[in-house]
Amino acid sequence: MEKIIAVALGGAIGSLGRYFIALVAGEYHTQTFPVGTFLANLIGCLCIGILWSFFDRVTISNEFRLFLFTGFLGGFTTFSTFARETVQMFKAGEHLQAFTYLAFSNLFGLGMVAIGFLLVHRFIRW
């Protein structure tokens, strides 16, 4: 039961964080490109890189790992929303925008994971 609560609580917090980013992005960007989801994915990828590197060296409980990675980051990074939005762009005939979103999200997301991992290795010495 503790594991279920950890995932549920983390997911709720992560989802609220994603929603907040979407609201803020919507205030500053009115185009059809889903900037809020894009930013949440990049921030989430950076966070997972940082946490992955950090917790390679620090032992944490399985419940806390589930809270952070499965719950919080799973709720925050929105790849299911990303997939739906990409398919919607294709359905709407916005092929260039869909391919751009797909390519940038994947390339920059992978880059942010690597940057997060390297930042911890570079600046936190054990």
C-alpha atoms as a PDB file:
ATOM      1  CA  MET A   1       0.000   0.000   0.000  1.00  0.00           C
ATOM      2  CA  GLU A   2       2.894   2.391   0.687  1.00  0.00           C
ATOM      3  CA  LYS A   3       4.136   1.966  -2.882  1.00  0.00           C
ATOM      4  CA  ILE A   4       0.713   2.751  -4.331  1.00  0.00           C
ATOM      5  CA  ILE A   5       0.414   5.873  -2.183  1.00  0.00           C
ATOM      6  CA  ALA A   6       3.930   6.972  -3.174  1.00  0.00           C
ATOM      7  CA  VAL A   7       3.140   6.668  -6.890  1.00  0.00           C
ATOM      8  CA  ALA A   8      -0.291   8.304  -6.522  1.00  0.00           C
ATOM      9  CA  LEU A   9       1.004  11.252  -4.487  1.00  0.00           C
ATOM     10  CA  GLY A  10       3.976  11.789  -6.815  1.00  0.00           C
ATOM     11  CA  GLY A  11       1.728  11.545  -9.866  1.00  0.00           C
ATOM     12  CA  ALA A  12      -0.700  14.092  -8.458  1.00  0.00           C
ATOM     13  CA  ILE A  13       2.085  16.573  -7.709  1.00  0.00           C
ATOM     14  CA  GLY A  14       3.733  16.005 -11.100  1.00  0.00           C
ATOM     15  CA  SER A  15       0.447  16.426 -12.955  1.00  0.00           C
ATOM     16  CA  LEU A  16      -0.279  19.662 -11.128  1.00  0.00           C
ATOM     17  CA  GLY A  17       3.189  20.920 -12.019  1.00  0.00           C
ATOM     18  CA  ARG A  18       2.616  20.083 -15.689  1.00  0.00           C
ATOM     19  CA  TYR A  19      -0.769  21.819 -15.621  1.00  0.00           C
ATOM     20  CA  PHE A  20       0.779  24.941 -14.073  1.00  0.00           C
ATOM     21  CA  ILE A  21       3.447  25.057 -16.788  1.00  0.00           C
ATOM     22  CA  ALA A  22       0.770  24.689 -19.480  1.00  0.00           C
ATOM     23  CA  LEU A  23      -1.217  27.563 -17.953  1.00  0.00           C
ATOM     24  CA  VAL A  24       1.815  29.839 -17.778  1.00  0.00           C
ATOM     25  CA  ALA A  25       2.967  28.916 -21.296  1.00  0.00           C
ATOM     26  CA  GLY A  26      -0.546  29.564 -22.607  1.00  0.00           C
ATOM     27  CA  GLU A  27      -0.386  33.122 -21.255  1.00  0.00           C
ATOM     28  CA  TYR A  28       2.739  33.870 -23.310  1.00  0.00           C
ATOM     29  CA  HIS A  29       2.329  31.691 -26.393  1.00  0.00           C
ATOM     30  CA  THR A  30      -0.876  31.537 -28.427  1.00  0.00           C
ATOM     31  CA  GLN A  31       0.299  29.439 -31.392  1.00  0.00           C
ATOM     32  CA  THR A  32      -0.957  25.907 -31.989  1.00  0.00           C
ATOM     33  CA  PHE A  33       2.416  24.393 -31.014  1.00  0.00           C
ATOM     34  CA  PRO A  34       1.999  22.809 -27.526  1.00  0.00           C
ATOM     35  CA  VAL A  35       4.686  24.839 -25.735  1.00  0.00           C
ATOM     36  CA  GLY A  36       3.540  23.824 -22.239  1.00  0.00           C
ATOM     37  CA  THR A  37       3.892  20.101 -22.943  1.00  0.00           C
ATOM     38  CA  PHE A  38       7.190  20.692 -24.738  1.00  0.00           C
ATOM     39  CA  LEU A  39       8.608  22.612 -21.746  1.00  0.00           C
ATOM     40  CA  ALA A  40       7.319  20.071 -19.224  1.00  0.00           C
ATOM     41  CA  ASN A  41       8.959  17.263 -21.196  1.00  0.00           C
ATOM     42  CA  LEU A  42      12.301  19.090 -21.357  1.00  0.00           C
ATOM     43  CA  ILE A  43      12.249  20.033 -17.678  1.00  0.00           C
ATOM     44  CA  GLY A  44      11.239  16.486 -16.756  1.00  0.00           C
ATOM     45  CA  CYS A  45      14.031  15.034 -18.878  1.00  0.00           C
ATOM     46  CA  LEU A  46      16.574  17.332 -17.214  1.00  0.00           C
ATOM     47  CA  CYS A  47      15.254  16.361 -13.769  1.00  0.00           C
ATOM     48  CA  ILE A  48      15.395  12.649 -14.505  1.00  0.00           C
ATOM     49  CA  GLY A  49      18.996  13.001 -15.687  1.00  0.00           C
ATOM     50  CA  ILE A  50      19.969  14.878 -12.530  1.00  0.00           C
ATOM     51  CA  LEU A  51      18.133  12.492 -10.201  1.00  0.00           C
ATOM     52  CA  TRP A  52      19.353   9.398 -12.022  1.00  0.00           C
ATOM     53  CA  SER A  53      22.956  10.520 -11.664  1.00  0.00           C
ATOM     54  CA  PHE A  54      22.518  11.620  -8.058  1.00  0.00           C
ATOM     55  CA  PHE A  55      20.781   8.428  -6.946  1.00  0.00           C
ATOM     56  CA  ASP A  56      23.444   6.304  -8.614  1.00  0.00           C
ATOM     57  CA  ARG A  57      25.559   7.345  -5.628  1.00  0.00           C
ATOM     58  CA  VAL A  58      22.990   7.787  -2.870  1.00  0.00           C
ATOM     59  CA  THR A  59      20.768   4.996  -1.638  1.00  0.00           C
ATOM     60  CA  ILE A  60      17.069   5.807  -1.389  1.00  0.00           C
ATOM     61  CA  SER A  61      14.095   3.678  -0.480  1.00  0.00           C
ATOM     62  CA  ASN A  62      12.108   1.932  -3.170  1.00  0.00           C
ATOM     63  CA  GLU A  63       9.035   3.953  -2.124  1.00  0.00           C
ATOM     64  CA  PHE A  64      10.870   7.261  -2.570  1.00  0.00           C
ATOM     65  CA  ARG A  65      12.211   6.094  -5.958  1.00  0.00           C
ATOM     66  CA  LEU A  66       8.640   5.202  -6.988  1.00  0.00           C
ATOM     67  CA  PHE A  67       7.410   8.587  -5.732  1.00  0.00           C
ATOM     68  CA  LEU A  68      10.022  10.507  -7.753  1.00  0.00           C
ATOM     69  CA  PHE A  69      10.434   8.537 -10.955  1.00  0.00           C
ATOM     70  CA  THR A  70       7.160   6.684 -11.522  1.00  0.00           C
ATOM     71  CA  GLY A  71       4.869   9.131  -9.742  1.00  0.00           C
ATOM     72  CA  PHE A  72       6.185  12.684  -9.995  1.00  0.00           C
ATOM     73  CA  LEU A  73       8.155  12.495 -13.239  1.00  0.00           C
ATOM     74  CA  GLY A  74       5.646  10.085 -14.783  1.00  0.00           C
ATOM     75  CA  GLY A  75       2.872  12.584 -14.075  1.00  0.00           C
ATOM     76  CA  PHE A  76       4.982  15.562 -15.087  1.00  0.00           C
ATOM     77  CA  THR A  77       6.661  14.557 -18.347  1.00  0.00           C
ATOM     78  CA  THR A  78       3.434  13.970 -20.257  1.00  0.00           C
ATOM     79  CA  PHE A  79       4.631  11.696 -23.023  1.00  0.00           C
ATOM     80  CA  SER A  80       1.130  10.307 -23.383  1.00  0.00           C
ATOM     81  CA  THR A  81      -0.096  13.849 -23.932  1.00  0.00           C
ATOM     82  CA  PHE A  82       2.840  14.399 -26.275  1.00  0.00           C
ATOM     83  CA  ALA A  83       1.810  11.400 -28.360  1.00  0.00           C
ATOM     84  CA  ARG A  84      -1.824  12.501 -28.499  1.00  0.00           C
ATOM     85  CA  GLU A  85      -0.909  16.036 -29.528  1.00  0.00           C
ATOM     86  CA  THR A  86       1.419  14.740 -32.250  1.00  0.00           C
ATOM     87  CA  VAL A  87      -1.279  12.472 -33.676  1.00  0.00           C
ATOM     88  CA  GLN A  88      -3.752  15.360 -33.510  1.00  0.00           C
ATOM     89  CA  MET A  89      -1.394  17.550 -35.554  1.00  0.00           C
ATOM     90  CA  PHE A  90      -1.094  14.791 -38.177  1.00  0.00           C
ATOM     91  CA  LYS A  91      -4.885  14.396 -38.251  1.00  0.00           C
ATOM     92  CA  ALA A  92      -5.250  18.159 -38.704  1.00  0.00           C
ATOM     93  CA  GLY A  93      -2.893  18.079 -41.675  1.00  0.00           C
ATOM     94  CA  GLU A  94      -0.126  19.957 -39.841  1.00  0.00           C
ATOM     95  CA  HIS A  95       2.558  17.498 -40.908  1.00  0.00           C
ATOM     96  CA  LEU A  96       5.567  19.819 -40.725  1.00  0.00           C
ATOM     97  CA  GLN A  97       4.584  21.009 -37.259  1.00  0.00           C
ATOM     98  CA  ALA A  98       4.001  17.394 -36.105  1.00  0.00           C
ATOM     99  CA  PHE A  99       7.390  16.223 -37.391  1.00  0.00           C
ATOM    100  CA  THR A 100       9.096  19.274 -35.849  1.00  0.00           C
ATOM    101  CA  TYR A 101       7.456  18.647 -32.479  1.00  0.00           C
ATOM    102  CA  LEU A 102       8.334  14.954 -32.636  1.00  0.00           C
ATOM    103  CA  ALA A 103      11.972  15.560 -33.581  1.00  0.00           C
ATOM    104  CA  PHE A 104      12.612  18.459 -31.181  1.00  0.00           C
ATOM    105  CA  SER A 105      10.971  16.731 -28.209  1.00  0.00           C
ATOM    106  CA  ASN A 106      13.050  13.599 -28.691  1.00  0.00           C
ATOM    107  CA  LEU A 107      16.364  15.249 -29.559  1.00  0.00           C
ATOM    108  CA  PHE A 108      16.199  17.945 -26.901  1.00  0.00           C
ATOM    109  CA  GLY A 109      14.739  15.529 -24.325  1.00  0.00           C
ATOM    110  CA  LEU A 110      17.641  13.114 -24.763  1.00  0.00           C
ATOM    111  CA  GLY A 111      20.022  16.045 -24.611  1.00  0.00           C
ATOM    112  CA  MET A 112      18.509  17.319 -21.360  1.00  0.00           C
ATOM    113  CA  VAL A 113      18.825  13.883 -19.725  1.00  0.00           C
ATOM    114  CA  ALA A 114      22.497  13.790 -20.703  1.00  0.00           C
ATOM    115  CA  ILE A 115      23.085  17.370 -19.510  1.00  0.00           C
ATOM    116  CA  GLY A 116      21.432  16.648 -16.157  1.00  0.00           C
ATOM    117  CA  PHE A 117      23.510  13.519 -15.687  1.00  0.00           C
ATOM    118  CA  LEU A 118      26.744  15.305 -16.634  1.00  0.00           C
ATOM    119  CA  LEU A 119      25.988  18.342 -14.434  1.00  0.00           C
ATOM    120  CA  VAL A 120      25.785  16.159 -11.361  1.00  0.00           C
ATOM    121  CA  HIS A 121      28.957  14.273 -12.290  1.00  0.00           C
ATOM    122  CA  ARG A 122      30.777  17.552 -12.927  1.00  0.00           C
ATOM    123  CA  PHE A 123      29.664  19.597  -9.930  1.00  0.00           C
ATOM    124  CA  ILE A 124      28.904  17.069  -7.201  1.00  0.00           C
ATOM    125  CA  ARG A 125      31.961  15.149  -6.064  1.00  0.00           C
ATOM    126  CA  TRP A 126      31.600  12.112  -3.810  1.00  0.00           C
END
